[in-house]
Each structure stands twice: as C-alpha cells, then as structure tokens.
C-alpha atoms as a PDB file:
ATOM      1  CA  UNK A   1      10.409-136.206  47.636  1.00  0.00           C
ATOM      2  CA  UNK A   2      11.926-134.476  50.652  1.00  0.00           C
ATOM      3  CA  UNK A   3      10.130-133.937  53.930  1.00  0.00           C
ATOM      4  CA  UNK A   4      10.818-130.926  56.068  1.00  0.00           C
ATOM      5  CA  UNK A   5       9.724-129.591  59.423  1.00  0.00           C
ATOM      6  CA  UNK A   6       6.979-127.021  59.147  1.00  0.00           C
ATOM      7  CA  UNK A   7       7.872-123.450  60.055  1.00  0.00           C
ATOM      8  CA  UNK A   8       6.158-121.878  63.091  1.00  0.00           C
ATOM      9  CA  UNK A   9       4.209-119.563  60.792  1.00  0.00           C
ATOM     10  CA  UNK A  10       2.760-122.470  58.855  1.00  0.00           C
ATOM     11  CA  UNK A  11       1.958-124.303  62.050  1.00  0.00           C
ATOM     12  CA  UNK A  12      -0.076-121.259  63.066  1.00  0.00           C
ATOM     13  CA  UNK A  13      -2.051-121.563  59.828  1.00  0.00           C
ATOM     14  CA  UNK A  14      -2.962-125.122  60.694  1.00  0.00           C
ATOM     15  CA  UNK A  15      -4.267-124.550  64.213  1.00  0.00           C
ATOM     16  CA  UNK A  16      -7.804-123.743  63.058  1.00  0.00           C
ATOM     17  CA  UNK A  17     -10.222-126.575  63.769  1.00  0.00           C
ATOM     18  CA  UNK A  18     -12.695-127.731  61.147  1.00  0.00           C
ATOM     19  CA  UNK A  19     -16.342-126.844  61.485  1.00  0.00           C
ATOM     20  CA  UNK A  20     -19.401-125.681  59.675  1.00  0.00           C
ATOM     21  CA  UNK A  21     -19.840-122.405  57.850  1.00  0.00           C
ATOM     22  CA  UNK A  22     -22.070-120.078  59.829  1.00  0.00           C
ATOM     23  CA  UNK A  23     -23.904-116.816  59.388  1.00  0.00           C
ATOM     24  CA  UNK A  24     -23.648-114.439  62.324  1.00  0.00           C
ATOM     25  CA  UNK A  25     -26.259-111.676  62.732  1.00  0.00           C
ATOM     26  CA  UNK A  26     -25.333-108.731  64.943  1.00  0.00           C
ATOM     27  CA  UNK A  27     -27.668-106.430  66.840  1.00  0.00           C
ATOM     28  CA  UNK A  28     -26.510-103.415  64.789  1.00  0.00           C
ATOM     29  CA  UNK A  29     -27.718-105.058  61.550  1.00  0.00           C
ATOM     30  CA  UNK A  30     -24.320-106.247  60.302  1.00  0.00           C
ATOM     31  CA  UNK A  31     -23.949-109.842  59.060  1.00  0.00           C
ATOM     32  CA  UNK A  32     -20.972-112.201  58.737  1.00  0.00           C
ATOM     33  CA  UNK A  33     -21.608-114.958  56.186  1.00  0.00           C
ATOM     34  CA  UNK A  34     -19.559-118.072  55.480  1.00  0.00           C
ATOM     35  CA  UNK A  35     -17.606-117.931  58.735  1.00  0.00           C
ATOM     36  CA  UNK A  36     -16.961-120.319  61.611  1.00  0.00           C
ATOM     37  CA  UNK A  37     -18.623-119.207  64.836  1.00  0.00           C
ATOM     38  CA  UNK A  38     -17.504-120.613  68.210  1.00  0.00           C
ATOM     39  CA  UNK A  39     -20.061-119.634  70.828  1.00  0.00           C
ATOM     40  CA  UNK A  40     -19.542-119.377  74.580  1.00  0.00           C
ATOM     41  CA  UNK A  41     -21.695-118.012  77.346  1.00  0.00           C
ATOM     42  CA  UNK A  42     -20.144-114.518  77.142  1.00  0.00           C
ATOM     43  CA  UNK A  43     -18.678-114.191  73.628  1.00  0.00           C
ATOM     44  CA  UNK A  44     -18.765-115.400  70.049  1.00  0.00           C
ATOM     45  CA  UNK A  45     -15.486-115.977  68.173  1.00  0.00           C
ATOM     46  CA  UNK A  46     -15.791-115.568  64.420  1.00  0.00           C
ATOM     47  CA  UNK A  47     -13.158-117.241  62.222  1.00  0.00           C
ATOM     48  CA  UNK A  48     -12.790-115.876  58.673  1.00  0.00           C
ATOM     49  CA  UNK A  49     -10.268-116.483  55.871  1.00  0.00           C
ATOM     50  CA  UNK A  50      -8.609-113.172  56.730  1.00  0.00           C
ATOM     51  CA  UNK A  51      -8.428-113.706  60.501  1.00  0.00           C
ATOM     52  CA  UNK A  52     -10.653-113.974  63.563  1.00  0.00           C
ATOM     53  CA  UNK A  53     -12.850-111.649  65.582  1.00  0.00           C
ATOM     54  CA  UNK A  54     -14.244-111.995  69.095  1.00  0.00           C
ATOM     55  CA  UNK A  55     -17.485-110.210  69.985  1.00  0.00           C
ATOM     56  CA  UNK A  56     -19.467-109.954  73.243  1.00  0.00           C
ATOM     57  CA  UNK A  57     -22.477-112.267  73.305  1.00  0.00           C
ATOM     58  CA  UNK A  58     -24.767-109.273  73.835  1.00  0.00           C
ATOM     59  CA  UNK A  59     -23.767-107.878  70.418  1.00  0.00           C
ATOM     60  CA  UNK A  60     -24.792-111.040  68.569  1.00  0.00           C
ATOM     61  CA  UNK A  61     -28.451-111.427  67.643  1.00  0.00           C
ATOM     62  CA  UNK A  62     -28.260-115.041  66.429  1.00  0.00           C
ATOM     63  CA  UNK A  63     -26.012-117.585  64.703  1.00  0.00           C
ATOM     64  CA  UNK A  64     -27.186-119.765  61.823  1.00  0.00           C
ATOM     65  CA  UNK A  65     -25.258-122.933  60.995  1.00  0.00           C
ATOM     66  CA  UNK A  66     -24.713-123.885  57.338  1.00  0.00           C
ATOM     67  CA  UNK A  67     -22.086-125.351  55.019  1.00  0.00           C
ATOM     68  CA  UNK A  68     -19.650-123.394  52.820  1.00  0.00           C
ATOM     69  CA  UNK A  69     -16.436-123.756  50.823  1.00  0.00           C
ATOM     70  CA  UNK A  70     -14.452-122.232  53.659  1.00  0.00           C
ATOM     71  CA  UNK A  71     -15.825-124.778  56.101  1.00  0.00           C
ATOM     72  CA  UNK A  72     -14.966-127.567  53.659  1.00  0.00           C
ATOM     73  CA  UNK A  73     -11.462-126.201  53.290  1.00  0.00           C
ATOM     74  CA  UNK A  74     -10.974-126.189  57.060  1.00  0.00           C
ATOM     75  CA  UNK A  75     -12.256-129.740  57.208  1.00  0.00           C
ATOM     76  CA  UNK A  76      -9.868-130.970  54.519  1.00  0.00           C
ATOM     77  CA  UNK A  77      -6.942-129.106  56.001  1.00  0.00           C
ATOM     78  CA  UNK A  78      -7.595-130.632  59.387  1.00  0.00           C
ATOM     79  CA  UNK A  79      -7.670-134.107  57.859  1.00  0.00           C
ATOM     80  CA  UNK A  80      -4.318-133.544  56.115  1.00  0.00           C
ATOM     81  CA  UNK A  81      -2.778-132.285  59.319  1.00  0.00           C
ATOM     82  CA  UNK A  82      -3.934-135.285  61.325  1.00  0.00           C
ATOM     83  CA  UNK A  83      -2.761-137.759  58.694  1.00  0.00           C
ATOM     84  CA  UNK A  84       0.674-136.185  58.159  1.00  0.00           C
ATOM     85  CA  UNK A  85       0.084-135.821  54.421  1.00  0.00           C
ATOM     86  CA  UNK A  86       2.917-135.036  52.061  1.00  0.00           C
ATOM     87  CA  UNK A  87       3.522-132.150  49.695  1.00  0.00           C
ATOM     88  CA  UNK A  88       1.399-133.666  46.918  1.00  0.00           C
ATOM     89  CA  UNK A  89      -1.732-133.746  49.088  1.00  0.00           C
ATOM     90  CA  UNK A  90      -1.222-130.176  50.225  1.00  0.00           C
ATOM     91  CA  UNK A  91      -0.773-129.097  46.611  1.00  0.00           C
ATOM     92  CA  UNK A  92      -4.079-130.755  45.738  1.00  0.00           C
ATOM     93  CA  UNK A  93      -5.765-128.838  48.549  1.00  0.00           C
ATOM     94  CA  UNK A  94      -4.239-125.601  47.273  1.00  0.00           C
ATOM     95  CA  UNK A  95      -5.534-126.297  43.756  1.00  0.00           C
ATOM     96  CA  UNK A  96      -9.001-127.081  45.157  1.00  0.00           C
ATOM     97  CA  UNK A  97      -8.975-123.830  47.146  1.00  0.00           C
ATOM     98  CA  UNK A  98      -8.021-121.925  43.997  1.00  0.00           C
ATOM     99  CA  UNK A  99     -11.006-123.364  42.128  1.00  0.00           C
ATOM    100  CA  UNK A 100     -13.258-122.255  44.982  1.00  0.00           C
ATOM    101  CA  UNK A 101     -11.800-118.768  44.999  1.00  0.00           C
ATOM    102  CA  UNK A 102     -10.242-119.135  48.459  1.00  0.00           C
ATOM    103  CA  UNK A 103      -7.033-117.140  48.081  1.00  0.00           C
ATOM    104  CA  UNK A 104      -6.195-117.547  51.744  1.00  0.00           C
ATOM    105  CA  UNK A 105      -6.454-121.324  51.334  1.00  0.00           C
ATOM    106  CA  UNK A 106      -4.263-121.259  48.214  1.00  0.00           C
ATOM    107  CA  UNK A 107      -1.537-119.442  50.088  1.00  0.00           C
ATOM    108  CA  UNK A 108      -1.743-121.527  53.248  1.00  0.00           C
ATOM    109  CA  UNK A 109      -1.818-124.944  51.563  1.00  0.00           C
ATOM    110  CA  UNK A 110       0.740-123.899  48.928  1.00  0.00           C
ATOM    111  CA  UNK A 111       3.208-122.710  51.573  1.00  0.00           C
ATOM    112  CA  UNK A 112       2.862-125.991  53.452  1.00  0.00           C
ATOM    113  CA  UNK A 113       3.564-127.893  50.226  1.00  0.00           C
ATOM    114  CA  UNK A 114       6.510-125.604  49.440  1.00  0.00           C
ATOM    115  CA  UNK A 115       7.951-126.038  52.914  1.00  0.00           C
ATOM    116  CA  UNK A 116       7.851-129.821  52.437  1.00  0.00           C
ATOM    117  CA  UNK A 117       9.128-129.783  48.819  1.00  0.00           C
ATOM    118  CA  UNK A 118      10.119-126.363  47.405  1.00  0.00           C
ATOM    119  CA  UNK A 119      10.542-127.661  43.844  1.00  0.00           C
ATOM    120  CA  UNK A 120       7.355-129.715  43.659  1.00  0.00           C
ATOM    121  CA  UNK A 121       6.040-129.629  40.064  1.00  0.00           C
ATOM    122  CA  UNK A 122       2.977-127.433  39.682  1.00  0.00           C
ATOM    123  CA  UNK A 123       3.652-125.512  42.902  1.00  0.00           C
ATOM    124  CA  UNK A 124       5.515-122.506  41.465  1.00  0.00           C
ATOM    125  CA  UNK A 125       2.551-120.957  39.540  1.00  0.00           C
ATOM    126  CA  UNK A 126       0.382-121.064  42.666  1.00  0.00           C
ATOM    127  CA  UNK A 127       2.898-119.442  44.990  1.00  0.00           C
ATOM    128  CA  UNK A 128       4.094-116.888  42.445  1.00  0.00           C
ATOM    129  CA  UNK A 129       0.517-115.753  41.928  1.00  0.00           C
ATOM    130  CA  UNK A 130       0.342-115.264  45.703  1.00  0.00           C
ATOM    131  CA  UNK A 131       3.465-113.067  45.709  1.00  0.00           C
ATOM    132  CA  UNK A 132       6.174-115.581  46.659  1.00  0.00           C
ATOM    133  CA  UNK A 133       9.440-116.512  44.964  1.00  0.00           C
ATOM    134  CA  UNK A 134      11.863-119.372  45.470  1.00  0.00           C
ATOM    135  CA  UNK A 135      15.108-118.181  47.026  1.00  0.00           C
ATOM    136  CA  UNK A 136      17.903-120.364  45.675  1.00  0.00           C
ATOM    137  CA  UNK A 137      20.223-119.686  48.621  1.00  0.00           C
ATOM    138  CA  UNK A 138      17.606-120.360  51.278  1.00  0.00           C
ATOM    139  CA  UNK A 139      15.981-123.107  49.194  1.00  0.00           C
ATOM    140  CA  UNK A 140      12.512-122.011  50.265  1.00  0.00           C
ATOM    141  CA  UNK A 141       9.683-119.765  49.180  1.00  0.00           C
ATOM    142  CA  UNK A 142       9.759-116.226  50.544  1.00  0.00           C
ATOM    143  CA  UNK A 143       7.728-113.068  49.821  1.00  0.00           C
ATOM    144  CA  UNK A 144       8.794-111.209  46.690  1.00  0.00           C
ATOM    145  CA  UNK A 145       9.658-108.071  48.680  1.00  0.00           C
ATOM    146  CA  UNK A 146      12.009-110.039  50.926  1.00  0.00           C
ATOM    147  CA  UNK A 147      13.712-111.504  47.854  1.00  0.00           C
ATOM    148  CA  UNK A 148      14.323-108.031  46.407  1.00  0.00           C
ATOM    149  CA  UNK A 149      15.765-106.762  49.684  1.00  0.00           C
ATOM    150  CA  UNK A 150      18.097-109.743  49.868  1.00  0.00           C
ATOM    151  CA  UNK A 151      19.470-108.650  46.480  1.00  0.00           C
ATOM    152  CA  UNK A 152      20.272-105.207  47.857  1.00  0.00           C
ATOM    153  CA  UNK A 153      17.390-103.457  46.117  1.00  0.00           C
ATOM    154  CA  UNK A 154      15.106-100.847  47.585  1.00  0.00           C
ATOM    155  CA  UNK A 155      11.573 -99.918  46.627  1.00  0.00           C
ATOM    156  CA  UNK A 156      10.929 -96.412  45.326  1.00  0.00           C
ATOM    157  CA  UNK A 157       7.613 -95.337  43.828  1.00  0.00           C
ATOM    158  CA  UNK A 158       6.581 -98.938  43.246  1.00  0.00           C
ATOM    159  CA  UNK A 159       9.869 -99.914  41.576  1.00  0.00           C
ATOM    160  CA  UNK A 160      12.805-101.945  42.870  1.00  0.00           C
ATOM    161  CA  UNK A 161      16.082-100.165  42.173  1.00  0.00           C
ATOM    162  CA  UNK A 162      19.651-100.244  43.433  1.00  0.00           C
ATOM    163  CA  UNK A 163      20.802 -98.008  46.263  1.00  0.00           C
ATOM    164  CA  UNK A 164      22.964 -96.058  43.818  1.00  0.00           C
ATOM    165  CA  UNK A 165      19.933 -95.356  41.640  1.00  0.00           C
ATOM    166  CA  UNK A 166      17.996 -94.320  44.708  1.00  0.00           C
ATOM    167  CA  UNK A 167      20.771 -91.896  45.728  1.00  0.00           C
ATOM    168  CA  UNK A 168      20.849 -90.416  42.214  1.00  0.00           C
ATOM    169  CA  UNK A 169      17.081 -89.973  42.213  1.00  0.00           C
ATOM    170  CA  UNK A 170      17.165 -88.324  45.612  1.00  0.00           C
ATOM    171  CA  UNK A 171      19.891 -85.942  44.430  1.00  0.00           C
ATOM    172  CA  UNK A 172      17.865 -85.071  41.340  1.00  0.00           C
ATOM    173  CA  UNK A 173      14.792 -84.511  43.471  1.00  0.00           C
ATOM    174  CA  UNK A 174      16.718 -82.209  45.802  1.00  0.00           C
ATOM    175  CA  UNK A 175      18.077 -80.195  42.876  1.00  0.00           C
ATOM    176  CA  UNK A 176      14.610 -79.928  41.367  1.00  0.00           C
ATOM    177  CA  UNK A 177      13.199 -78.825  44.715  1.00  0.00           C
ATOM    178  CA  UNK A 178      15.938 -76.170  45.026  1.00  0.00           C
ATOM    179  CA  UNK A 179      15.227 -74.916  41.490  1.00  0.00           C
ATOM    180  CA  UNK A 180      11.513 -74.667  42.170  1.00  0.00           C
ATOM    181  CA  UNK A 181      12.209 -72.861  45.444  1.00  0.00           C
ATOM    182  CA  UNK A 182      14.418 -70.348  43.613  1.00  0.00           C
ATOM    183  CA  UNK A 183      11.763 -69.777  40.966  1.00  0.00           C
ATOM    184  CA  UNK A 184       9.098 -69.236  43.603  1.00  0.00           C
ATOM    185  CA  UNK A 185      11.353 -66.762  45.437  1.00  0.00           C
ATOM    186  CA  UNK A 186      12.000 -64.841  42.210  1.00  0.00           C
ATOM    187  CA  UNK A 187       8.293 -64.771  41.453  1.00  0.00           C
ATOM    188  CA  UNK A 188       7.524 -63.450  44.925  1.00  0.00           C
ATOM    189  CA  UNK A 189      10.191 -60.727  44.519  1.00  0.00           C
ATOM    190  CA  UNK A 190       8.745 -59.700  41.153  1.00  0.00           C
ATOM    191  CA  UNK A 191       5.263 -59.561  42.649  1.00  0.00           C
ATOM    192  CA  UNK A 192       6.540 -57.407  45.524  1.00  0.00           C
ATOM    193  CA  UNK A 193       8.223 -55.000  43.075  1.00  0.00           C
ATOM    194  CA  UNK A 194       5.077 -54.758  40.983  1.00  0.00           C
ATOM    195  CA  UNK A 195       2.983 -54.150  44.105  1.00  0.00           C
ATOM    196  CA  UNK A 196       5.343 -51.345  45.198  1.00  0.00           C
ATOM    197  CA  UNK A 197       5.080 -49.679  41.780  1.00  0.00           C
ATOM    198  CA  UNK A 198       1.311 -49.915  41.851  1.00  0.00           C
ATOM    199  CA  UNK A 199       1.276 -48.426  45.356  1.00  0.00           C
ATOM    200  CA  UNK A 200       3.435 -45.497  44.221  1.00  0.00           C
ATOM    201  CA  UNK A 201       1.167 -44.903  41.244  1.00  0.00           C
ATOM    202  CA  UNK A 202      -1.925 -44.995  43.454  1.00  0.00           C
ATOM    203  CA  UNK A 203      -0.321 -42.503  45.858  1.00  0.00           C
ATOM    204  CA  UNK A 204       0.552 -40.154  43.004  1.00  0.00           C
ATOM    205  CA  UNK A 205      -3.028 -40.323  41.753  1.00  0.00           C
ATOM    206  CA  UNK A 206      -4.352 -39.493  45.221  1.00  0.00           C
ATOM    207  CA  UNK A 207      -2.033 -36.489  45.487  1.00  0.00           C
ATOM    208  CA  UNK A 208      -3.138 -35.246  42.069  1.00  0.00           C
ATOM    209  CA  UNK A 209      -6.803 -35.591  43.024  1.00  0.00           C
ATOM    210  CA  UNK A 210      -6.160 -33.681  46.256  1.00  0.00           C
ATOM    211  CA  UNK A 211      -4.545 -30.835  44.340  1.00  0.00           C
ATOM    212  CA  UNK A 212      -7.385 -30.690  41.856  1.00  0.00           C
ATOM    213  CA  UNK A 213      -9.919 -30.498  44.680  1.00  0.00           C
ATOM    214  CA  UNK A 214      -8.209 -27.498  46.347  1.00  0.00           C
ATOM    215  CA  UNK A 215     -10.096 -24.123  45.911  1.00  0.00           C
ATOM    216  CA  UNK A 216      -8.721 -22.017  43.079  1.00  0.00           C
ATOM    217  CA  UNK A 217      -7.505 -18.360  43.525  1.00  0.00           C
ATOM    218  CA  UNK A 218      -9.988 -15.921  41.848  1.00  0.00           C
ATOM    219  CA  UNK A 219      -8.691 -14.351  38.647  1.00  0.00           C
ATOM    220  CA  UNK A 220      -8.115 -10.551  39.077  1.00  0.00           C
ATOM    221  CA  UNK A 221     -10.843  -8.423  37.532  1.00  0.00           C
ATOM    222  CA  UNK A 222     -10.054  -5.967  34.736  1.00  0.00           C
ATOM    223  CA  UNK A 223      -9.507  -2.432  36.092  1.00  0.00           C
ATOM    224  CA  UNK A 224     -12.078   0.306  35.466  1.00  0.00           C
ATOM    225  CA  UNK A 225     -11.456   3.397  33.316  1.00  0.00           C
ATOM    226  CA  UNK A 226     -10.691   5.488  36.412  1.00  0.00           C
ATOM    227  CA  UNK A 227      -7.920   3.266  37.747  1.00  0.00           C
ATOM    228  CA  UNK A 228      -6.009   1.821  34.826  1.00  0.00           C
ATOM    229  CA  UNK A 229      -2.675   0.178  35.567  1.00  0.00           C
ATOM    230  CA  UNK A 230       0.476   2.073  34.878  1.00  0.00           C
ATOM    231  CA  UNK A 231       4.131   1.372  35.202  1.00  0.00           C
ATOM    232  CA  UNK A 232       6.828   3.761  36.288  1.00  0.00           C
ATOM    233  CA  UNK A 233      10.374   2.481  36.036  1.00  0.00           C
ATOM    234  CA  UNK A 234      11.336   0.877  39.312  1.00  0.00           C
ATOM    235  CA  UNK A 235       7.924   1.238  41.004  1.00  0.00           C
ATOM    236  CA  UNK A 236       4.885  -0.458  39.491  1.00  0.00           C
ATOM    237  CA  UNK A 237       1.717   1.308  40.560  1.00  0.00           C
ATOM    238  CA  UNK A 238      -1.764   2.211  39.398  1.00  0.00           C
ATOM    239  CA  UNK A 239      -2.329   5.410  37.403  1.00  0.00           C
ATOM    240  CA  UNK A 240      -4.301   7.763  39.684  1.00  0.00           C
ATOM    241  CA  UNK A 241      -5.590   9.978  36.934  1.00  0.00           C
ATOM    242  CA  UNK A 242      -9.001   9.604  35.318  1.00  0.00           C
ATOM    243  CA  UNK A 243      -9.548   9.734  31.614  1.00  0.00           C
ATOM    244  CA  UNK A 244      -8.969  13.069  29.951  1.00  0.00           C
ATOM    245  CA  UNK A 245      -6.626  14.438  32.691  1.00  0.00           C
ATOM    246  CA  UNK A 246      -3.044  15.476  32.012  1.00  0.00           C
ATOM    247  CA  UNK A 247      -0.438  13.154  33.529  1.00  0.00           C
ATOM    248  CA  UNK A 248       2.628  15.088  34.747  1.00  0.00           C
ATOM    249  CA  UNK A 249       4.811  11.994  34.868  1.00  0.00           C
ATOM    250  CA  UNK A 250       7.552  10.906  32.579  1.00  0.00           C
ATOM    251  CA  UNK A 251       7.348   7.317  31.463  1.00  0.00           C
ATOM    252  CA  UNK A 252       3.787   6.768  32.691  1.00  0.00           C
ATOM    253  CA  UNK A 253       2.223   3.944  30.699  1.00  0.00           C
ATOM    254  CA  UNK A 254      -1.457   4.247  30.015  1.00  0.00           C
ATOM    255  CA  UNK A 255      -3.349   1.258  28.652  1.00  0.00           C
ATOM    256  CA  UNK A 256      -6.621   1.222  26.869  1.00  0.00           C
ATOM    257  CA  UNK A 257      -7.963  -1.694  24.937  1.00  0.00           C
ATOM    258  CA  UNK A 258      -4.536  -3.319  24.857  1.00  0.00           C
ATOM    259  CA  UNK A 259      -2.770  -0.164  23.487  1.00  0.00           C
ATOM    260  CA  UNK A 260      -0.101   1.792  25.367  1.00  0.00           C
ATOM    261  CA  UNK A 261       1.005   5.417  25.228  1.00  0.00           C
ATOM    262  CA  UNK A 262       4.517   6.257  26.419  1.00  0.00           C
ATOM    263  CA  UNK A 263       6.089   9.614  27.260  1.00  0.00           C
ATOM    264  CA  UNK A 264       9.320   9.708  25.275  1.00  0.00           C
ATOM    265  CA  UNK A 265      10.402  13.175  26.340  1.00  0.00           C
ATOM    266  CA  UNK A 266      13.128  13.461  28.893  1.00  0.00           C
ATOM    267  CA  UNK A 267      11.566  16.629  30.246  1.00  0.00           C
ATOM    268  CA  UNK A 268       8.414  16.644  32.231  1.00  0.00           C
ATOM    269  CA  UNK A 269       5.340  17.224  30.158  1.00  0.00           C
ATOM    270  CA  UNK A 270       1.705  16.454  30.351  1.00  0.00           C
ATOM    271  CA  UNK A 271       0.137  13.479  28.609  1.00  0.00           C
ATOM    272  CA  UNK A 272      -3.580  13.641  28.275  1.00  0.00           C
ATOM    273  CA  UNK A 273      -5.324  10.321  28.288  1.00  0.00           C
ATOM    274  CA  UNK A 274      -8.098  10.416  25.719  1.00  0.00           C
ATOM    275  CA  UNK A 275     -11.624  10.195  27.037  1.00  0.00           C
ATOM    276  CA  UNK A 276     -13.785   7.134  26.717  1.00  0.00           C
END
C-alpha cells in the first residue's frame, strides 16, 4: 500500500475538531439540529456537514448539547487524523458514514483514502457514487466534469460532446433560428397585407353609407292638363296651349296618357288637342 501526502483541499476537510451534536434555537424561531456549536461571548459558530455559519450571540436563543451521527463522525475523523491512519482506516470511516447517511462524510473520508491509495479495493464504488473518477494519467480521483474536460469534451444540454459536435449543433441552431425569423417576418407581412385590405374595405363601406345617407333629389311631378310637355325640334319646351285649343306649330308633340300626336304636314296647320 502506498502512502501519499494529503492535498491542501483534503487537509481543509480535516481541520474540524470533534465535538458533540447540538441543537441551536434562534430568536426568529429557526432551529439547527445535529450541528456543532462553538459559543463565544459575542457569536455562535455553527458547523454543519455542508459548511459553517457564524451568528451574533444576540440572534441565538439557546444551545442544547446532544449526541448525533455527525458528531460521532467528527470524533472518529479526528482520531484517524491524530493517529496517522492509512487508507484502509479511512475507507472504513467512509463506509460507516455511508451507512449513517452522511454523504459529506463519505466524500471526505473516501477522498482521503483515495489520495493515500487510489486503487484501494472497495474505494471505487464509493467515490464514483459521489461523482469522482480515477484519472489514469494523474493517478488520482478527480471530479467527473474535470475528467470530461481533460478529454476535450464540452457539456451541452446535460451531455458531454466533442467540440466538433458542439459547433455542428450551434450551426444547426443558428439555421433554425434564421428559418423561424424568416417565417415570422413572412407572417407579419401577410398580416399587414390583410389588415390593409380590411382597412380599404371598411373605408369603402363608410363611403357607401355616407352616400346612402345624403338627401335625395325630389322626383319631378307629372304636369297638369294645362301645361303638358312638348318638344319642338332643336328647342325642348312646354306646350303653352290648354286642352281643346288649336296649336299653330309644326312638329309640336302633345302627350296625353302616354300617347303622342305629331303634325306631319310640312305646312303650318292647326292641331287641336282633344279635351279632357
């Protein structure tokens, strides 16, 4: 089994001191359970599996001391650190943390074991489940995303693809965007044309309504028997002669009930319009 120097990141994981699991009650009603609380005269530092938080002492109502799996994990980790345990012991701690549901502990202890012996039997399932892979060139466990980037891959929509595939997808997306833009422009033009036609139709309807609402010219009344219309070639005029009077005009047209009498003679003669 090989021994290695711990990386600075892993050393940071091991700087937490063991203690008891506490429950911190805040003045706003919020509660932190299963944490490690370090109290001072002005503040309370809360250590949790996901990180730490420092609060003013005035915001903390009270702190209750108790035991928890997280506190036990910190205690065991501190003991391994002080004793200089090997990869096997750290793997055992990682397996214990997994049984307790402490994912942060699984990752921390598993990375320490992997840094000491990357190919330790039983270690790979733990670290892979935490999102790490063994890089053959570096001979150490690194995050899966870093491994993909080292292979020249890029992440697009949750998938790792080559840069060529990414360029092809981007080109296809640009072409699709251009096509959609063209379709939208054509649709807007068609809508504008339709709106113009509807406006012209509405205007024509308004003009027709205006014409229909204009006052109509009265229809001429039918002439009386004393002033029936006549026509003399070249000069239309009204016949000045009443019924029964001789008309000394050639070509004088006399109408009565839609019938006309014409003077056919070329010489002047009298035409007597019959009485009513």
